[in-house]
Amino acid sequence: MAAAPSIIYYLPKDLAGYNFKWFEFNANVNYYFDVESSVKPYGLGGLNFAFVTIPSFNFLNGSELSSRTTTKVGLNLGVGADFEVGNMTPFGE
Protein backbone atom coordinates (compact mmCIF):
# COMPACT_ATOMS: atom_id res chain seq x y z
CA MET A 1 0.00 0.00 0.00
CA ALA A 2 1.08 3.57 -0.59
CA ALA A 3 -0.35 7.00 0.23
CA ALA A 4 -0.71 9.33 -2.75
CA PRO A 5 -1.77 12.86 -1.73
CA SER A 6 -1.97 15.62 -4.35
CA ILE A 7 -2.92 19.27 -4.73
CA ILE A 8 -4.12 20.56 -8.11
CA TYR A 9 -4.40 24.27 -8.86
CA TYR A 10 -6.17 25.31 -12.04
CA LEU A 11 -5.18 28.65 -13.56
CA PRO A 12 -8.01 31.22 -13.22
CA LYS A 13 -10.43 31.01 -16.12
CA ASP A 14 -12.36 33.97 -17.51
CA LEU A 15 -15.75 32.77 -18.81
CA ALA A 16 -18.23 35.39 -20.05
CA GLY A 17 -16.68 38.01 -17.75
CA TYR A 18 -16.58 35.75 -14.68
CA ASN A 19 -13.17 34.93 -13.17
CA PHE A 20 -13.41 31.33 -11.86
CA LYS A 21 -10.75 29.98 -9.46
CA TRP A 22 -10.51 26.28 -8.66
CA PHE A 23 -8.21 23.96 -6.73
CA GLU A 24 -8.41 20.40 -5.43
CA PHE A 25 -6.90 18.33 -2.67
CA ASN A 26 -6.83 14.54 -3.17
CA ALA A 27 -5.95 11.93 -0.56
CA ASN A 28 -5.61 8.51 -2.21
CA VAL A 29 -4.35 5.10 -1.11
CA ASN A 30 -2.85 2.74 -3.70
CA TYR A 31 -3.16 -1.01 -3.09
CA TYR A 32 -0.50 -2.92 -5.04
CA PHE A 33 -1.28 -6.44 -6.26
CA ASP A 34 1.40 -9.06 -5.62
CA VAL A 35 2.76 -9.61 -9.15
CA GLU A 36 6.32 -10.67 -10.05
CA SER A 37 6.79 -8.42 -13.07
CA SER A 38 8.27 -5.09 -14.14
CA VAL A 39 4.65 -3.83 -14.33
CA LYS A 40 3.09 -3.35 -10.87
CA PRO A 41 -0.72 -2.94 -11.11
CA TYR A 42 -2.68 -1.27 -8.33
CA GLY A 43 -6.16 -0.17 -7.38
CA LEU A 44 -6.72 3.24 -5.83
CA GLY A 45 -9.34 4.82 -3.63
CA GLY A 46 -9.59 8.08 -1.75
CA LEU A 47 -11.29 11.39 -1.16
CA ASN A 48 -11.38 14.57 -3.23
CA PHE A 49 -12.02 18.05 -1.84
CA ALA A 50 -12.69 20.70 -4.52
CA PHE A 51 -12.89 24.44 -3.87
CA VAL A 52 -14.39 26.74 -6.52
CA THR A 53 -14.59 30.55 -6.21
CA ILE A 54 -17.22 32.28 -8.32
CA PRO A 55 -17.68 36.08 -8.37
CA SER A 56 -21.12 37.69 -8.05
CA PHE A 57 -21.96 40.64 -10.31
CA ASN A 58 -24.45 43.46 -10.26
CA PHE A 59 -26.05 42.98 -13.69
CA LEU A 60 -27.45 46.52 -13.76
CA ASN A 61 -24.06 48.24 -13.87
CA GLY A 62 -21.65 45.30 -14.43
CA SER A 63 -19.68 45.76 -11.19
CA GLU A 64 -18.46 42.86 -9.09
CA LEU A 65 -20.28 42.62 -5.74
CA SER A 66 -18.43 39.80 -3.98
CA SER A 67 -17.24 36.25 -4.52
CA ARG A 68 -18.52 32.96 -3.17
CA THR A 69 -16.47 29.82 -2.54
CA THR A 70 -18.16 26.45 -2.86
CA THR A 71 -16.66 23.25 -1.43
CA LYS A 72 -17.50 19.80 -2.77
CA VAL A 73 -16.37 16.37 -1.56
CA GLY A 74 -15.95 13.45 -3.97
CA LEU A 75 -14.80 9.85 -4.07
CA ASN A 76 -11.76 8.75 -6.10
CA LEU A 77 -11.74 5.19 -7.48
CA GLY A 78 -9.42 3.86 -10.15
CA VAL A 79 -6.69 1.54 -11.33
CA GLY A 80 -3.12 2.15 -12.41
CA ALA A 81 0.27 0.57 -12.89
CA ASP A 82 3.92 1.41 -12.19
CA PHE A 83 6.43 0.52 -14.91
CA GLU A 84 10.00 -0.19 -13.81
CA VAL A 85 12.31 1.24 -16.49
CA GLY A 86 15.93 1.33 -15.30
CA ASN A 87 16.17 3.72 -12.35
CA MET A 88 12.86 5.43 -13.23
CA THR A 89 9.31 4.32 -12.42
CA PRO A 90 6.73 5.98 -14.69
CA PHE A 91 3.08 5.22 -14.00
CA GLY A 92 -0.33 5.41 -15.66
CA GLU A 93 -3.75 5.71 -14.05
PDB file of N, CA and C in Angstrom:
ATOM      1  N   MET A   1       0.851  -1.185   0.000  1.00  0.00           N
ATOM      2  CA  MET A   1       0.000   0.000   0.000  1.00  0.00           C
ATOM      3  C   MET A   1       0.889   1.237   0.000  1.00  0.00           C
ATOM      4  N   ALA A   2       0.361   2.313  -0.555  1.00  0.00           N
ATOM      5  CA  ALA A   2       1.085   3.571  -0.588  1.00  0.00           C
ATOM      6  C   ALA A   2       0.086   4.726  -0.511  1.00  0.00           C
ATOM      7  N   ALA A   3       0.465   5.792   0.183  1.00  0.00           N
ATOM      8  CA  ALA A   3      -0.354   7.001   0.229  1.00  0.00           C
ATOM      9  C   ALA A   3       0.032   7.872  -0.959  1.00  0.00           C
ATOM     10  N   ALA A   4      -0.968   8.498  -1.573  1.00  0.00           N
ATOM     11  CA  ALA A   4      -0.711   9.331  -2.753  1.00  0.00           C
ATOM     12  C   ALA A   4      -1.505  10.634  -2.652  1.00  0.00           C
ATOM     13  N   PRO A   5      -1.067  11.578  -1.810  1.00  0.00           N
ATOM     14  CA  PRO A   5      -1.770  12.862  -1.735  1.00  0.00           C
ATOM     15  C   PRO A   5      -1.388  13.756  -2.906  1.00  0.00           C
ATOM     16  N   SER A   6      -2.289  14.662  -3.287  1.00  0.00           N
ATOM     17  CA  SER A   6      -1.969  15.617  -4.355  1.00  0.00           C
ATOM     18  C   SER A   6      -2.791  16.887  -4.184  1.00  0.00           C
ATOM     19  N   ILE A   7      -2.219  17.982  -4.669  1.00  0.00           N
ATOM     20  CA  ILE A   7      -2.920  19.267  -4.729  1.00  0.00           C
ATOM     21  C   ILE A   7      -2.871  19.721  -6.186  1.00  0.00           C
ATOM     22  N   ILE A   8      -4.027  20.102  -6.722  1.00  0.00           N
ATOM     23  CA  ILE A   8      -4.116  20.556  -8.106  1.00  0.00           C
ATOM     24  C   ILE A   8      -4.676  21.975  -8.100  1.00  0.00           C
ATOM     25  N   TYR A   9      -3.949  22.889  -8.729  1.00  0.00           N
ATOM     26  CA  TYR A   9      -4.401  24.272  -8.856  1.00  0.00           C
ATOM     27  C   TYR A   9      -4.630  24.560 -10.338  1.00  0.00           C
ATOM     28  N   TYR A  10      -5.840  24.968 -10.667  1.00  0.00           N
ATOM     29  CA  TYR A  10      -6.169  25.313 -12.041  1.00  0.00           C
ATOM     30  C   TYR A  10      -5.975  26.818 -12.216  1.00  0.00           C
ATOM     31  N   LEU A  11      -5.358  27.226 -13.299  1.00  0.00           N
ATOM     32  CA  LEU A  11      -5.184  28.650 -13.561  1.00  0.00           C
ATOM     33  C   LEU A  11      -6.554  29.310 -13.669  1.00  0.00           C
ATOM     34  N   PRO A  12      -6.692  30.547 -13.145  1.00  0.00           N
ATOM     35  CA  PRO A  12      -8.006  31.217 -13.217  1.00  0.00           C
ATOM     36  C   PRO A  12      -8.512  31.277 -14.656  1.00  0.00           C
ATOM     37  N   LYS A  13      -9.808  31.057 -14.804  1.00  0.00           N
ATOM     38  CA  LYS A  13     -10.431  31.007 -16.122  1.00  0.00           C
ATOM     39  C   LYS A  13     -11.481  32.107 -16.223  1.00  0.00           C
ATOM     40  N   ASP A  14     -11.398  32.903 -17.268  1.00  0.00           N
ATOM     41  CA  ASP A  14     -12.364  33.967 -17.511  1.00  0.00           C
ATOM     42  C   ASP A  14     -13.416  33.443 -18.480  1.00  0.00           C
ATOM     43  N   LEU A  15     -14.639  33.242 -17.982  1.00  0.00           N
ATOM     44  CA  LEU A  15     -15.748  32.772 -18.811  1.00  0.00           C
ATOM     45  C   LEU A  15     -16.867  33.805 -18.778  1.00  0.00           C
ATOM     46  N   ALA A  16     -17.138  34.411 -19.904  1.00  0.00           N
ATOM     47  CA  ALA A  16     -18.230  35.388 -20.046  1.00  0.00           C
ATOM     48  C   ALA A  16     -18.117  36.500 -18.998  1.00  0.00           C
ATOM     49  N   GLY A  17     -16.869  36.927 -18.707  1.00  0.00           N
ATOM     50  CA  GLY A  17     -16.680  38.006 -17.750  1.00  0.00           C
ATOM     51  C   GLY A  17     -16.566  37.566 -16.303  1.00  0.00           C
ATOM     52  N   TYR A  18     -16.714  36.271 -16.037  1.00  0.00           N
ATOM     53  CA  TYR A  18     -16.578  35.746 -14.678  1.00  0.00           C
ATOM     54  C   TYR A  18     -15.195  35.135 -14.516  1.00  0.00           C
ATOM     55  N   ASN A  19     -14.504  35.454 -13.436  1.00  0.00           N
ATOM     56  CA  ASN A  19     -13.169  34.927 -13.173  1.00  0.00           C
ATOM     57  C   ASN A  19     -13.276  33.763 -12.180  1.00  0.00           C
ATOM     58  N   PHE A  20     -13.287  32.530 -12.692  1.00  0.00           N
ATOM     59  CA  PHE A  20     -13.408  31.333 -11.861  1.00  0.00           C
ATOM     60  C   PHE A  20     -12.046  30.920 -11.336  1.00  0.00           C
ATOM     61  N   LYS A  21     -11.968  30.524 -10.066  1.00  0.00           N
ATOM     62  CA  LYS A  21     -10.750  29.983  -9.465  1.00  0.00           C
ATOM     63  C   LYS A  21     -11.102  28.629  -8.869  1.00  0.00           C
ATOM     64  N   TRP A  22     -10.191  27.649  -9.051  1.00  0.00           N
ATOM     65  CA  TRP A  22     -10.507  26.278  -8.664  1.00  0.00           C
ATOM     66  C   TRP A  22      -9.236  25.566  -8.241  1.00  0.00           C
ATOM     67  N   PHE A  23      -9.300  24.853  -7.083  1.00  0.00           N
ATOM     68  CA  PHE A  23      -8.212  23.957  -6.729  1.00  0.00           C
ATOM     69  C   PHE A  23      -8.773  22.749  -6.005  1.00  0.00           C
ATOM     70  N   GLU A  24      -7.991  21.677  -6.007  1.00  0.00           N
ATOM     71  CA  GLU A  24      -8.413  20.405  -5.427  1.00  0.00           C
ATOM     72  C   GLU A  24      -7.336  19.850  -4.511  1.00  0.00           C
ATOM     73  N   PHE A  25      -7.784  19.109  -3.519  1.00  0.00           N
ATOM     74  CA  PHE A  25      -6.901  18.330  -2.666  1.00  0.00           C
ATOM     75  C   PHE A  25      -7.390  16.887  -2.741  1.00  0.00           C
ATOM     76  N   ASN A  26      -6.492  15.965  -3.072  1.00  0.00           N
ATOM     77  CA  ASN A  26      -6.831  14.542  -3.167  1.00  0.00           C
ATOM     78  C   ASN A  26      -6.004  13.757  -2.167  1.00  0.00           C
ATOM     79  N   ALA A  27      -6.641  12.820  -1.483  1.00  0.00           N
ATOM     80  CA  ALA A  27      -5.951  11.929  -0.557  1.00  0.00           C
ATOM     81  C   ALA A  27      -6.295  10.495  -0.974  1.00  0.00           C
ATOM     82  N   ASN A  28      -5.374   9.851  -1.681  1.00  0.00           N
ATOM     83  CA  ASN A  28      -5.606   8.506  -2.208  1.00  0.00           C
ATOM     84  C   ASN A  28      -4.707   7.489  -1.527  1.00  0.00           C
ATOM     85  N   VAL A  29      -5.151   6.245  -1.555  1.00  0.00           N
ATOM     86  CA  VAL A  29      -4.350   5.103  -1.111  1.00  0.00           C
ATOM     87  C   VAL A  29      -4.272   4.139  -2.284  1.00  0.00           C
ATOM     88  N   ASN A  30      -3.058   3.719  -2.627  1.00  0.00           N
ATOM     89  CA  ASN A  30      -2.852   2.740  -3.701  1.00  0.00           C
ATOM     90  C   ASN A  30      -2.605   1.372  -3.080  1.00  0.00           C
ATOM     91  N   TYR A  31      -3.352   0.369  -3.546  1.00  0.00           N
ATOM     92  CA  TYR A  31      -3.162  -1.015  -3.093  1.00  0.00           C
ATOM     93  C   TYR A  31      -2.508  -1.781  -4.231  1.00  0.00           C
ATOM     94  N   TYR A  32      -1.258  -2.211  -4.008  1.00  0.00           N
ATOM     95  CA  TYR A  32      -0.500  -2.917  -5.036  1.00  0.00           C
ATOM     96  C   TYR A  32      -0.799  -4.409  -4.979  1.00  0.00           C
ATOM     97  N   PHE A  33      -1.056  -5.004  -6.151  1.00  0.00           N
ATOM     98  CA  PHE A  33      -1.284  -6.437  -6.260  1.00  0.00           C
ATOM     99  C   PHE A  33       0.069  -7.139  -6.318  1.00  0.00           C
ATOM    100  N   ASP A  34       0.140  -8.308  -5.705  1.00  0.00           N
ATOM    101  CA  ASP A  34       1.399  -9.061  -5.618  1.00  0.00           C
ATOM    102  C   ASP A  34       1.671  -9.762  -6.945  1.00  0.00           C
ATOM    103  N   VAL A  35       2.437  -9.092  -7.819  1.00  0.00           N
ATOM    104  CA  VAL A  35       2.762  -9.606  -9.149  1.00  0.00           C
ATOM    105  C   VAL A  35       4.275  -9.545  -9.335  1.00  0.00           C
ATOM    106  N   GLU A  36       4.874 -10.642  -9.768  1.00  0.00           N
ATOM    107  CA  GLU A  36       6.320 -10.666 -10.049  1.00  0.00           C
ATOM    108  C   GLU A  36       6.541 -10.266 -11.501  1.00  0.00           C
ATOM    109  N   SER A  37       6.647  -8.943 -11.715  1.00  0.00           N
ATOM    110  CA  SER A  37       6.789  -8.419 -13.071  1.00  0.00           C
ATOM    111  C   SER A  37       7.361  -7.013 -12.988  1.00  0.00           C
ATOM    112  N   SER A  38       7.798  -6.469 -14.122  1.00  0.00           N
ATOM    113  CA  SER A  38       8.270  -5.086 -14.143  1.00  0.00           C
ATOM    114  C   SER A  38       7.088  -4.107 -14.175  1.00  0.00           C
ATOM    115  N   VAL A  39       5.872  -4.628 -14.384  1.00  0.00           N
ATOM    116  CA  VAL A  39       4.647  -3.828 -14.332  1.00  0.00           C
ATOM    117  C   VAL A  39       3.933  -4.169 -13.031  1.00  0.00           C
ATOM    118  N   LYS A  40       3.722  -3.160 -12.179  1.00  0.00           N
ATOM    119  CA  LYS A  40       3.087  -3.350 -10.868  1.00  0.00           C
ATOM    120  C   LYS A  40       1.691  -2.710 -10.878  1.00  0.00           C
ATOM    121  N   PRO A  41       0.629  -3.504 -11.096  1.00  0.00           N
ATOM    122  CA  PRO A  41      -0.722  -2.938 -11.114  1.00  0.00           C
ATOM    123  C   PRO A  41      -1.216  -2.621  -9.702  1.00  0.00           C
ATOM    124  N   TYR A  42      -2.090  -1.624  -9.617  1.00  0.00           N
ATOM    125  CA  TYR A  42      -2.682  -1.269  -8.328  1.00  0.00           C
ATOM    126  C   TYR A  42      -4.091  -0.721  -8.508  1.00  0.00           C
ATOM    127  N   GLY A  43      -4.852  -0.820  -7.454  1.00  0.00           N
ATOM    128  CA  GLY A  43      -6.155  -0.173  -7.376  1.00  0.00           C
ATOM    129  C   GLY A  43      -6.014   1.032  -6.469  1.00  0.00           C
ATOM    130  N   LEU A  44      -6.814   2.062  -6.688  1.00  0.00           N
ATOM    131  CA  LEU A  44      -6.718   3.243  -5.826  1.00  0.00           C
ATOM    132  C   LEU A  44      -8.095   3.682  -5.370  1.00  0.00           C
ATOM    133  N   GLY A  45      -8.118   4.268  -4.197  1.00  0.00           N
ATOM    134  CA  GLY A  45      -9.340   4.816  -3.630  1.00  0.00           C
ATOM    135  C   GLY A  45      -8.981   5.983  -2.730  1.00  0.00           C
ATOM    136  N   GLY A  46      -9.873   6.938  -2.616  1.00  0.00           N
ATOM    137  CA  GLY A  46      -9.593   8.078  -1.754  1.00  0.00           C
ATOM    138  C   GLY A  46     -10.667   9.128  -1.821  1.00  0.00           C
ATOM    139  N   LEU A  47     -10.358  10.275  -1.222  1.00  0.00           N
ATOM    140  CA  LEU A  47     -11.290  11.390  -1.159  1.00  0.00           C
ATOM    141  C   LEU A  47     -10.760  12.580  -1.949  1.00  0.00           C
ATOM    142  N   ASN A  48     -11.689  13.358  -2.486  1.00  0.00           N
ATOM    143  CA  ASN A  48     -11.378  14.569  -3.231  1.00  0.00           C
ATOM    144  C   ASN A  48     -12.122  15.727  -2.580  1.00  0.00           C
ATOM    145  N   PHE A  49     -11.415  16.827  -2.346  1.00  0.00           N
ATOM    146  CA  PHE A  49     -12.017  18.053  -1.842  1.00  0.00           C
ATOM    147  C   PHE A  49     -11.762  19.138  -2.888  1.00  0.00           C
ATOM    148  N   ALA A  50     -12.821  19.678  -3.470  1.00  0.00           N
ATOM    149  CA  ALA A  50     -12.695  20.698  -4.518  1.00  0.00           C
ATOM    150  C   ALA A  50     -13.235  22.025  -3.989  1.00  0.00           C
ATOM    151  N   PHE A  51     -12.515  23.101  -4.293  1.00  0.00           N
ATOM    152  CA  PHE A  51     -12.895  24.444  -3.868  1.00  0.00           C
ATOM    153  C   PHE A  51     -12.987  25.327  -5.117  1.00  0.00           C
ATOM    154  N   VAL A  52     -14.164  25.901  -5.352  1.00  0.00           N
ATOM    155  CA  VAL A  52     -14.392  26.743  -6.519  1.00  0.00           C
ATOM    156  C   VAL A  52     -14.858  28.119  -6.038  1.00  0.00           C
ATOM    157  N   THR A  53     -14.199  29.178  -6.537  1.00  0.00           N
ATOM    158  CA  THR A  53     -14.586  30.545  -6.209  1.00  0.00           C
ATOM    159  C   THR A  53     -15.225  31.182  -7.431  1.00  0.00           C
ATOM    160  N   ILE A  54     -16.450  31.680  -7.237  1.00  0.00           N
ATOM    161  CA  ILE A  54     -17.225  32.284  -8.319  1.00  0.00           C
ATOM    162  C   ILE A  54     -17.607  33.701  -7.901  1.00  0.00           C
ATOM    163  N   PRO A  55     -17.291  34.708  -8.718  1.00  0.00           N
ATOM    164  CA  PRO A  55     -17.677  36.081  -8.371  1.00  0.00           C
ATOM    165  C   PRO A  55     -19.165  36.322  -8.625  1.00  0.00           C
ATOM    166  N   SER A  56     -19.729  37.249  -7.849  1.00  0.00           N
ATOM    167  CA  SER A  56     -21.115  37.692  -8.052  1.00  0.00           C
ATOM    168  C   SER A  56     -21.083  39.085  -8.656  1.00  0.00           C
ATOM    169  N   PHE A  57     -21.945  39.349  -9.622  1.00  0.00           N
ATOM    170  CA  PHE A  57     -21.963  40.637 -10.306  1.00  0.00           C
ATOM    171  C   PHE A  57     -23.301  41.336 -10.123  1.00  0.00           C
ATOM    172  N   ASN A  58     -23.255  42.646 -10.180  1.00  0.00           N
ATOM    173  CA  ASN A  58     -24.452  43.462 -10.264  1.00  0.00           C
ATOM    174  C   ASN A  58     -24.735  43.613 -11.761  1.00  0.00           C
ATOM    175  N   PHE A  59     -25.772  42.980 -12.250  1.00  0.00           N
ATOM    176  CA  PHE A  59     -26.045  42.977 -13.688  1.00  0.00           C
ATOM    177  C   PHE A  59     -26.556  44.319 -14.203  1.00  0.00           C
ATOM    178  N   LEU A  60     -26.978  45.206 -13.311  1.00  0.00           N
ATOM    179  CA  LEU A  60     -27.453  46.516 -13.756  1.00  0.00           C
ATOM    180  C   LEU A  60     -26.304  47.410 -14.214  1.00  0.00           C
ATOM    181  N   ASN A  61     -25.174  47.387 -13.464  1.00  0.00           N
ATOM    182  CA  ASN A  61     -24.056  48.239 -13.869  1.00  0.00           C
ATOM    183  C   ASN A  61     -22.771  47.459 -14.172  1.00  0.00           C
ATOM    184  N   GLY A  62     -22.793  46.133 -14.072  1.00  0.00           N
ATOM    185  CA  GLY A  62     -21.649  45.302 -14.434  1.00  0.00           C
ATOM    186  C   GLY A  62     -20.530  45.246 -13.403  1.00  0.00           C
ATOM    187  N   SER A  63     -20.746  45.777 -12.207  1.00  0.00           N
ATOM    188  CA  SER A  63     -19.684  45.762 -11.193  1.00  0.00           C
ATOM    189  C   SER A  63     -19.730  44.462 -10.384  1.00  0.00           C
ATOM    190  N   GLU A  64     -18.550  44.074  -9.898  1.00  0.00           N
ATOM    191  CA  GLU A  64     -18.461  42.857  -9.090  1.00  0.00           C
ATOM    192  C   GLU A  64     -18.866  43.180  -7.660  1.00  0.00           C
ATOM    193  N   LEU A  65     -19.794  42.386  -7.102  1.00  0.00           N
ATOM    194  CA  LEU A  65     -20.275  42.618  -5.737  1.00  0.00           C
ATOM    195  C   LEU A  65     -19.394  41.893  -4.724  1.00  0.00           C
ATOM    196  N   SER A  66     -19.203  40.615  -4.914  1.00  0.00           N
ATOM    197  CA  SER A  66     -18.430  39.795  -3.984  1.00  0.00           C
ATOM    198  C   SER A  66     -18.116  38.480  -4.680  1.00  0.00           C
ATOM    199  N   SER A  67     -17.478  37.580  -3.971  1.00  0.00           N
ATOM    200  CA  SER A  67     -17.242  36.246  -4.524  1.00  0.00           C
ATOM    201  C   SER A  67     -17.694  35.207  -3.511  1.00  0.00           C
ATOM    202  N   ARG A  68     -18.012  34.043  -4.011  1.00  0.00           N
ATOM    203  CA  ARG A  68     -18.516  32.963  -3.173  1.00  0.00           C
ATOM    204  C   ARG A  68     -17.673  31.727  -3.436  1.00  0.00           C
ATOM    205  N   THR A  69     -17.237  31.053  -2.388  1.00  0.00           N
ATOM    206  CA  THR A  69     -16.471  29.820  -2.536  1.00  0.00           C
ATOM    207  C   THR A  69     -17.353  28.637  -2.179  1.00  0.00           C
ATOM    208  N   THR A  70     -17.387  27.664  -3.058  1.00  0.00           N
ATOM    209  CA  THR A  70     -18.157  26.446  -2.859  1.00  0.00           C
ATOM    210  C   THR A  70     -17.193  25.289  -2.660  1.00  0.00           C
ATOM    211  N   THR A  71     -17.492  24.419  -1.718  1.00  0.00           N
ATOM    212  CA  THR A  71     -16.663  23.251  -1.435  1.00  0.00           C
ATOM    213  C   THR A  71     -17.465  21.988  -1.731  1.00  0.00           C
ATOM    214  N   LYS A  72     -16.865  21.080  -2.462  1.00  0.00           N
ATOM    215  CA  LYS A  72     -17.502  19.797  -2.773  1.00  0.00           C
ATOM    216  C   LYS A  72     -16.563  18.666  -2.374  1.00  0.00           C
ATOM    217  N   VAL A  73     -17.140  17.554  -1.941  1.00  0.00           N
ATOM    218  CA  VAL A  73     -16.373  16.367  -1.563  1.00  0.00           C
ATOM    219  C   VAL A  73     -16.739  15.250  -2.533  1.00  0.00           C
ATOM    220  N   GLY A  74     -15.723  14.542  -3.024  1.00  0.00           N
ATOM    221  CA  GLY A  74     -15.953  13.453  -3.970  1.00  0.00           C
ATOM    222  C   GLY A  74     -15.181  12.212  -3.590  1.00  0.00           C
ATOM    223  N   LEU A  75     -15.440  11.142  -4.293  1.00  0.00           N
ATOM    224  CA  LEU A  75     -14.801   9.852  -4.071  1.00  0.00           C
ATOM    225  C   LEU A  75     -13.927   9.525  -5.272  1.00  0.00           C
ATOM    226  N   ASN A  76     -12.684   9.156  -5.030  1.00  0.00           N
ATOM    227  CA  ASN A  76     -11.765   8.754  -6.098  1.00  0.00           C
ATOM    228  C   ASN A  76     -11.665   7.231  -6.122  1.00  0.00           C
ATOM    229  N   LEU A  77     -11.907   6.634  -7.262  1.00  0.00           N
ATOM    230  CA  LEU A  77     -11.741   5.195  -7.478  1.00  0.00           C
ATOM    231  C   LEU A  77     -11.032   5.009  -8.813  1.00  0.00           C
ATOM    232  N   GLY A  78     -10.104   4.065  -8.887  1.00  0.00           N
ATOM    233  CA  GLY A  78      -9.424   3.860 -10.151  1.00  0.00           C
ATOM    234  C   GLY A  78      -8.432   2.722 -10.098  1.00  0.00           C
ATOM    235  N   VAL A  79      -7.742   2.545 -11.207  1.00  0.00           N
ATOM    236  CA  VAL A  79      -6.689   1.542 -11.328  1.00  0.00           C
ATOM    237  C   VAL A  79      -5.490   2.206 -11.997  1.00  0.00           C
ATOM    238  N   GLY A  80      -4.327   1.615 -11.796  1.00  0.00           N
ATOM    239  CA  GLY A  80      -3.121   2.147 -12.408  1.00  0.00           C
ATOM    240  C   GLY A  80      -2.032   1.099 -12.393  1.00  0.00           C
ATOM    241  N   ALA A  81      -0.870   1.483 -12.880  1.00  0.00           N
ATOM    242  CA  ALA A  81       0.274   0.574 -12.890  1.00  0.00           C
ATOM    243  C   ALA A  81       1.567   1.383 -12.891  1.00  0.00           C
ATOM    244  N   ASP A  82       2.561   0.874 -12.157  1.00  0.00           N
ATOM    245  CA  ASP A  82       3.916   1.410 -12.187  1.00  0.00           C
ATOM    246  C   ASP A  82       4.717   0.567 -13.169  1.00  0.00           C
ATOM    247  N   PHE A  83       5.599   1.204 -13.925  1.00  0.00           N
ATOM    248  CA  PHE A  83       6.427   0.515 -14.908  1.00  0.00           C
ATOM    249  C   PHE A  83       7.888   0.735 -14.545  1.00  0.00           C
ATOM    250  N   GLU A  84       8.581  -0.319 -14.170  1.00  0.00           N
ATOM    251  CA  GLU A  84       9.996  -0.187 -13.813  1.00  0.00           C
ATOM    252  C   GLU A  84      10.831  -0.125 -15.083  1.00  0.00           C
ATOM    253  N   VAL A  85      11.482   1.025 -15.301  1.00  0.00           N
ATOM    254  CA  VAL A  85      12.312   1.242 -16.485  1.00  0.00           C
ATOM    255  C   VAL A  85      13.655   1.784 -15.990  1.00  0.00           C
ATOM    256  N   GLY A  86      14.625   0.906 -15.817  1.00  0.00           N
ATOM    257  CA  GLY A  86      15.927   1.329 -15.299  1.00  0.00           C
ATOM    258  C   GLY A  86      15.788   1.887 -13.895  1.00  0.00           C
ATOM    259  N   ASN A  87      16.280   3.120 -13.678  1.00  0.00           N
ATOM    260  CA  ASN A  87      16.171   3.722 -12.354  1.00  0.00           C
ATOM    261  C   ASN A  87      14.975   4.673 -12.252  1.00  0.00           C
ATOM    262  N   MET A  88      14.069   4.629 -13.240  1.00  0.00           N
ATOM    263  CA  MET A  88      12.861   5.433 -13.225  1.00  0.00           C
ATOM    264  C   MET A  88      11.644   4.524 -13.083  1.00  0.00           C
ATOM    265  N   THR A  89      10.546   5.081 -12.526  1.00  0.00           N
ATOM    266  CA  THR A  89       9.305   4.322 -12.418  1.00  0.00           C
ATOM    267  C   THR A  89       8.138   5.179 -12.895  1.00  0.00           C
ATOM    268  N   PRO A  90       7.914   5.256 -14.212  1.00  0.00           N
ATOM    269  CA  PRO A  90       6.728   5.976 -14.694  1.00  0.00           C
ATOM    270  C   PRO A  90       5.471   5.192 -14.338  1.00  0.00           C
ATOM    271  N   PHE A  91       4.334   5.881 -14.340  1.00  0.00           N
ATOM    272  CA  PHE A  91       3.076   5.224 -13.998  1.00  0.00           C
ATOM    273  C   PHE A  91       1.960   5.744 -14.883  1.00  0.00           C
ATOM    274  N   GLY A  92       0.889   4.995 -14.943  1.00  0.00           N
ATOM    275  CA  GLY A  92      -0.327   5.407 -15.661  1.00  0.00           C
ATOM    276  C   GLY A  92      -1.534   5.071 -14.814  1.00  0.00           C
ATOM    277  N   GLU A  93      -2.524   5.966 -14.834  1.00  0.00           N
ATOM    278  CA  GLU A  93      -3.753   5.714 -14.054  1.00  0.00           C
ATOM    279  C   GLU A  93      -4.965   5.891 -14.943  1.00  0.00           C
TER     280      GLU A  93
END
